[in-house]
Amino acid sequence: MRPTERLTSDAAGIARAAALLAAGEVVAFPTETVYGLGVRADDAAAVRRLYAAKGRPEDKPLIVHVPGPAAAEGLAARWDARARALAAAFWPGPLTLVVPRGAGLSDEAVGGGTSVGVRMPAHAVALALVRACSFPVAAPSANLSGEPPARDAEEVRSARGGRIAAVVDGGRSGEGAPSTVVDLTCERARILRPGALAAERVAAVVALA
């Protein structure tokens, strides 16, 4: 296995990370919750490489990180008033919205399903990276499935070293809790995964099942 590059979080490091992602490589980067494993979500082979590196079942969909609501809407078959309201209230932030899947994603990235989870991270490095990419970036947590989340670049390299191309060192990540996942594919919104954003705050914006 080749060594995993440790990249700085400055412009040069972000450019290198974006180039690796464009080439179909797996690159870890920090978010406000935990470190994630990034891969281009429109490249089936790259997504399979990520599943192998993480030890994740291939039918388990990935969360796609976006630079803003417009990019999220472009990946959705439907972006309704609830999605607009939640994005306006909590993005950037630890909120993932599950919406009907549109074009521009590989089947592998969504686990072969008809929906996609999207979020705009509230971390300068993560945002800089997704903005530097002309393609959607899927990024589950960087830990091996079933293990505690990775909170810094060294933890990522210790766990994933040699199995991913690079890790962008952005210091220690924030809360450690994952993003809250809200399903908007049904008539009444529902929380699929509790996380860093309290359910009460979500319920203050949209009605929950």
Protein backbone atom coordinates (compact mmCIF):
# COMPACT_ATOMS: atom_id res chain seq x y z
CA MET A 1 0.00 0.00 0.00
CA ARG A 2 1.23 3.49 -0.78
CA PRO A 3 1.65 6.05 2.01
CA THR A 4 -1.31 8.31 2.75
CA GLU A 5 -0.43 11.96 2.03
CA ARG A 6 -0.95 14.44 4.85
CA LEU A 7 -2.08 17.69 3.25
CA THR A 8 -2.20 21.17 4.73
CA SER A 9 -5.51 23.01 4.85
CA ASP A 10 -4.21 26.02 2.90
CA ALA A 11 -4.95 26.75 -0.76
CA ALA A 12 -2.22 24.39 -1.98
CA GLY A 13 -3.47 21.52 0.16
CA ILE A 14 -7.09 22.07 -0.89
CA ALA A 15 -6.06 22.15 -4.56
CA ARG A 16 -4.14 18.89 -4.17
CA ALA A 17 -7.07 17.25 -2.38
CA ALA A 18 -9.50 18.40 -5.10
CA ALA A 19 -7.19 17.00 -7.80
CA LEU A 20 -7.01 13.64 -6.05
CA LEU A 21 -10.79 13.52 -5.70
CA ALA A 22 -11.19 14.42 -9.37
CA ALA A 23 -8.95 11.45 -10.22
CA GLY A 24 -11.23 9.10 -8.29
CA GLU A 25 -9.14 8.86 -5.13
CA VAL A 26 -10.43 8.80 -1.53
CA VAL A 27 -9.44 11.82 0.57
CA ALA A 28 -10.26 12.43 4.25
CA PHE A 29 -11.09 15.92 5.47
CA PRO A 30 -12.47 17.57 8.60
CA THR A 31 -16.02 18.74 9.16
CA GLU A 32 -17.59 20.42 12.18
CA THR A 33 -18.69 17.00 13.47
CA VAL A 34 -16.05 14.37 12.58
CA TYR A 35 -13.50 13.67 9.85
CA GLY A 36 -15.07 12.30 6.68
CA LEU A 37 -13.86 10.16 3.80
CA GLY A 38 -14.48 12.10 0.61
CA VAL A 39 -14.96 10.71 -2.88
CA ARG A 40 -16.60 11.99 -6.04
CA ALA A 41 -20.19 10.82 -5.91
CA ASP A 42 -20.60 10.61 -9.69
CA ASP A 43 -17.84 7.99 -10.11
CA ALA A 44 -18.98 4.43 -9.41
CA ALA A 45 -15.45 3.00 -9.21
CA ALA A 46 -14.35 5.72 -6.80
CA VAL A 47 -17.36 5.09 -4.56
CA ARG A 48 -16.61 1.37 -4.49
CA ARG A 49 -13.04 2.26 -3.48
CA LEU A 50 -14.43 4.26 -0.56
CA TYR A 51 -16.70 1.42 0.57
CA ALA A 52 -13.70 -0.90 0.60
CA ALA A 53 -11.56 1.57 2.57
CA LYS A 54 -14.28 2.07 5.18
CA GLY A 55 -15.49 -1.52 5.36
CA ARG A 56 -19.02 -0.30 4.70
CA PRO A 57 -21.85 -2.34 3.11
CA GLU A 58 -22.35 -1.15 -0.45
CA ASP A 59 -26.13 -0.91 -0.06
CA LYS A 60 -25.76 1.73 2.66
CA PRO A 61 -26.09 5.17 1.01
CA LEU A 62 -23.59 8.00 1.49
CA ILE A 63 -24.17 11.62 2.47
CA VAL A 64 -23.25 14.12 -0.23
CA HIS A 65 -21.59 17.34 0.93
CA VAL A 66 -22.50 20.46 -1.04
CA PRO A 67 -21.28 24.08 -1.10
CA GLY A 68 -24.80 25.46 -0.74
CA PRO A 69 -28.55 24.96 -1.22
CA ALA A 70 -28.40 25.54 -4.98
CA ALA A 71 -26.02 22.61 -5.40
CA ALA A 72 -28.24 20.43 -3.22
CA GLU A 73 -31.30 21.35 -5.25
CA GLY A 74 -29.41 20.39 -8.41
CA LEU A 75 -29.00 16.84 -7.08
CA ALA A 76 -32.64 16.50 -6.03
CA ALA A 77 -35.67 15.46 -8.05
CA ARG A 78 -37.74 17.57 -5.64
CA TRP A 79 -36.57 20.38 -3.36
CA ASP A 80 -39.68 21.54 -1.57
CA ALA A 81 -40.57 24.32 0.87
CA ARG A 82 -39.50 22.19 3.84
CA ALA A 83 -36.04 21.66 2.35
CA ARG A 84 -35.71 25.37 1.62
CA ALA A 85 -36.77 26.30 5.15
CA LEU A 86 -34.46 23.82 6.88
CA ALA A 87 -31.49 24.73 4.70
CA ALA A 88 -32.09 28.42 5.35
CA ALA A 89 -32.31 27.83 9.11
CA PHE A 90 -29.46 25.39 9.68
CA TRP A 91 -27.02 25.41 6.77
CA PRO A 92 -24.12 25.44 6.94
CA GLY A 93 -24.40 23.01 9.84
CA PRO A 94 -24.81 19.42 11.04
CA LEU A 95 -28.11 18.73 9.26
CA THR A 96 -28.54 16.18 6.47
CA LEU A 97 -31.69 16.38 4.35
CA VAL A 98 -32.87 13.23 2.61
CA VAL A 99 -34.69 14.15 -0.60
CA PRO A 100 -35.75 12.35 -3.78
CA ARG A 101 -32.70 11.65 -5.88
CA GLY A 102 -32.15 13.58 -9.10
CA ALA A 103 -29.41 13.32 -11.71
CA GLY A 104 -25.63 13.55 -11.34
CA LEU A 105 -24.99 10.75 -8.84
CA SER A 106 -23.80 7.19 -9.27
CA ASP A 107 -26.13 4.41 -8.16
CA GLU A 108 -23.37 3.26 -5.81
CA ALA A 109 -23.33 6.57 -3.93
CA VAL A 110 -27.00 6.23 -2.99
CA GLY A 111 -26.90 2.51 -2.31
CA GLY A 112 -29.04 1.90 -5.37
CA GLY A 113 -31.90 3.85 -3.82
CA THR A 114 -34.21 6.62 -5.00
CA SER A 115 -33.22 9.24 -2.43
CA VAL A 116 -30.07 11.11 -1.46
CA GLY A 117 -28.85 12.72 1.76
CA VAL A 118 -27.28 16.16 1.30
CA ARG A 119 -25.73 18.63 3.69
CA MET A 120 -23.64 21.81 3.72
CA PRO A 121 -20.86 21.46 6.31
CA ALA A 122 -20.08 24.31 8.70
CA HIS A 123 -16.30 23.92 8.50
CA ALA A 124 -14.04 26.22 6.52
CA VAL A 125 -11.83 23.42 5.22
CA ALA A 126 -14.73 21.18 4.18
CA LEU A 127 -16.47 24.07 2.45
CA ALA A 128 -13.30 25.14 0.66
CA LEU A 129 -12.83 21.60 -0.62
CA VAL A 130 -16.35 21.03 -1.91
CA ARG A 131 -16.27 24.49 -3.52
CA ALA A 132 -13.02 23.55 -5.27
CA CYS A 133 -14.67 20.49 -6.84
CA SER A 134 -16.84 20.63 -9.96
CA PHE A 135 -18.56 17.39 -8.92
CA PRO A 136 -20.58 16.24 -5.89
CA VAL A 137 -18.52 14.91 -2.97
CA ALA A 138 -19.87 12.03 -0.89
CA ALA A 139 -18.34 11.77 2.56
CA PRO A 140 -19.26 9.31 5.31
CA SER A 141 -17.32 9.40 8.58
CA ALA A 142 -13.67 8.37 8.29
CA ASN A 143 -13.75 5.62 10.90
CA LEU A 144 -14.00 1.93 10.02
CA SER A 145 -17.66 0.91 10.19
CA GLY A 146 -18.53 0.06 13.78
CA GLU A 147 -15.59 1.94 15.30
CA PRO A 148 -15.57 5.34 17.08
CA PRO A 149 -15.39 8.40 14.78
CA ALA A 150 -12.00 9.90 13.89
CA ARG A 151 -11.53 13.39 15.32
CA ASP A 152 -8.16 14.44 13.86
CA ALA A 153 -5.83 13.72 10.96
CA GLU A 154 -3.57 11.41 12.94
CA GLU A 155 -6.50 9.23 14.00
CA VAL A 156 -7.50 8.98 10.34
CA ARG A 157 -3.99 8.04 9.23
CA SER A 158 -3.69 5.45 12.01
CA ALA A 159 -6.97 3.81 11.02
CA ARG A 160 -7.00 4.29 7.24
CA GLY A 161 -3.33 4.84 6.37
CA GLY A 162 -2.42 3.24 3.06
CA ARG A 163 -6.06 2.63 2.16
CA ILE A 164 -6.81 6.25 1.19
CA ALA A 165 -4.81 8.70 -0.91
CA ALA A 166 -4.63 11.62 1.51
CA VAL A 167 -6.00 13.36 4.58
CA VAL A 168 -6.38 17.13 4.84
CA ASP A 169 -5.16 18.19 8.28
CA GLY A 170 -7.59 20.78 9.57
CA GLY A 171 -6.91 20.27 13.26
CA ARG A 172 -9.30 18.56 15.63
CA SER A 173 -12.92 18.29 14.51
CA GLY A 174 -15.77 19.71 16.52
CA GLU A 175 -18.52 17.95 18.38
CA GLY A 176 -17.88 14.35 17.42
CA ALA A 177 -21.63 13.72 17.06
CA PRO A 178 -22.84 13.00 13.51
CA SER A 179 -25.21 15.21 11.59
CA THR A 180 -28.93 14.94 12.30
CA VAL A 181 -30.66 13.23 9.37
CA VAL A 182 -34.15 14.38 8.40
CA ASP A 183 -36.21 12.47 5.82
CA LEU A 184 -38.17 14.74 3.48
CA THR A 185 -39.24 12.05 1.03
CA CYS A 186 -42.49 11.38 2.89
CA GLU A 187 -45.55 13.55 3.50
CA ARG A 188 -44.48 14.40 7.05
CA ALA A 189 -40.80 14.97 7.82
CA ARG A 190 -39.17 12.54 10.22
CA ILE A 191 -35.80 12.20 11.91
CA LEU A 192 -33.94 9.14 10.69
CA ARG A 193 -30.85 9.69 12.84
CA PRO A 194 -30.56 11.93 15.92
CA GLY A 195 -27.34 13.93 15.89
CA ALA A 196 -25.64 17.21 16.66
CA LEU A 197 -28.71 19.30 15.78
CA ALA A 198 -31.43 18.82 18.39
CA ALA A 199 -34.78 17.48 17.20
CA GLU A 200 -36.53 20.34 18.97
CA ARG A 201 -34.78 22.84 16.74
CA VAL A 202 -35.82 20.94 13.62
CA ALA A 203 -39.41 20.72 14.88
CA ALA A 204 -39.47 24.48 15.33
CA VAL A 205 -39.07 24.85 11.54
CA VAL A 206 -41.03 21.90 10.10
CA ALA A 207 -43.65 19.55 11.51
CA LEU A 208 -42.23 16.13 12.40
CA ALA A 209 -43.93 12.76 12.33
